[in-house]
Protein backbone atom coordinates (compact mmCIF):
# COMPACT_ATOMS: atom_id res chain seq x y z
CA MET A 1 -59.57 6.38 62.58
CA LYS A 2 -62.50 8.04 64.24
CA HIS A 3 -65.88 6.39 64.33
CA ARG A 4 -67.47 9.23 62.36
CA LEU A 5 -65.01 8.83 59.46
CA LEU A 6 -65.66 5.11 59.37
CA ARG A 7 -69.40 5.73 59.07
CA VAL A 8 -68.91 8.35 56.34
CA ASN A 9 -66.59 6.00 54.42
CA GLU A 10 -69.13 3.20 54.56
CA LEU A 11 -72.02 5.46 53.57
CA LEU A 12 -70.14 6.83 50.56
CA LYS A 13 -69.15 3.32 49.55
CA ARG A 14 -72.78 2.15 49.55
CA GLU A 15 -74.13 5.25 47.80
CA LEU A 16 -71.44 5.23 45.11
CA SER A 17 -72.05 1.54 44.44
CA ALA A 18 -75.75 2.21 43.99
CA LEU A 19 -75.03 5.17 41.70
CA LEU A 20 -72.76 3.11 39.49
CA VAL A 21 -75.47 0.52 39.02
CA ARG A 22 -78.20 3.09 38.44
CA GLU A 23 -76.41 5.73 36.35
CA LEU A 24 -73.84 3.88 34.23
CA SER A 25 -74.56 1.14 31.74
CA LEU A 26 -71.72 -1.35 31.94
CA PRO A 27 -72.88 -4.55 30.24
CA ASP A 28 -70.91 -7.74 30.90
CA LEU A 29 -68.87 -6.03 33.63
CA LEU A 30 -68.93 -6.19 37.38
CA VAL A 31 -67.67 -2.98 38.97
CA THR A 32 -67.36 -2.99 42.75
CA VAL A 33 -66.36 -0.23 45.13
CA ASN A 34 -63.87 -1.86 47.47
CA GLN A 35 -62.84 1.01 49.68
CA VAL A 36 -63.49 4.69 50.27
CA ASP A 37 -61.11 6.83 52.32
CA VAL A 38 -62.34 10.30 53.22
CA THR A 39 -59.91 12.92 54.48
CA PRO A 40 -60.52 14.16 58.04
CA ASP A 41 -61.83 17.51 56.75
CA LEU A 42 -64.36 15.62 54.53
CA LYS A 43 -63.27 17.56 51.43
CA ASN A 44 -61.68 14.72 49.45
CA ALA A 45 -62.24 11.01 49.08
CA HIS A 46 -60.12 8.30 47.50
CA VAL A 47 -62.12 5.48 45.96
CA VAL A 48 -60.76 2.02 45.15
CA ILE A 49 -62.71 0.02 42.57
CA SER A 50 -62.27 -3.38 41.01
CA VAL A 51 -63.50 -4.50 37.62
CA LEU A 52 -64.33 -8.03 36.52
CA GLY A 53 -65.36 -8.78 33.00
CA SER A 54 -64.23 -9.30 29.45
CA LYS A 55 -63.29 -5.70 28.61
CA GLY A 56 -62.27 -4.70 32.08
CA ARG A 57 -60.42 -1.58 32.98
CA LYS A 58 -59.95 -0.30 29.43
CA GLU A 59 -63.66 0.46 29.13
CA VAL A 60 -64.59 1.39 32.69
CA LEU A 61 -62.01 4.03 33.60
CA PRO A 62 -62.73 6.33 30.63
CA LYS A 63 -66.46 5.99 31.30
CA LEU A 64 -65.97 6.88 34.97
CA ASP A 65 -63.79 9.86 34.04
CA ALA A 66 -66.40 11.09 31.56
CA ASN A 67 -69.15 10.90 34.19
CA LEU A 68 -67.10 12.18 37.13
CA VAL A 69 -68.91 15.51 37.52
CA ARG A 70 -72.32 13.87 37.27
CA LEU A 71 -71.43 11.25 39.90
CA GLN A 72 -70.00 13.89 42.25
CA GLY A 73 -73.14 15.97 41.90
CA ALA A 74 -75.38 12.99 42.61
CA LEU A 75 -73.35 12.10 45.69
CA SER A 76 -73.50 15.61 47.09
């Protein structure tokens, strides 16, 4: 993978992690962004997250889906 893509992946990973903390209220849950893979044309990204907590995935994924457009806008 090219050095530029590695830098973009890392930057998106850090920014998305900060956005999740700032924008979404997820009490009693720890959501981490483990990996971001951006396509070479920089049009799409695949994000891998992990969730630790009592409610876990059942609560986080619908909340992320509901706020998808807002998170994409904030990242752009």
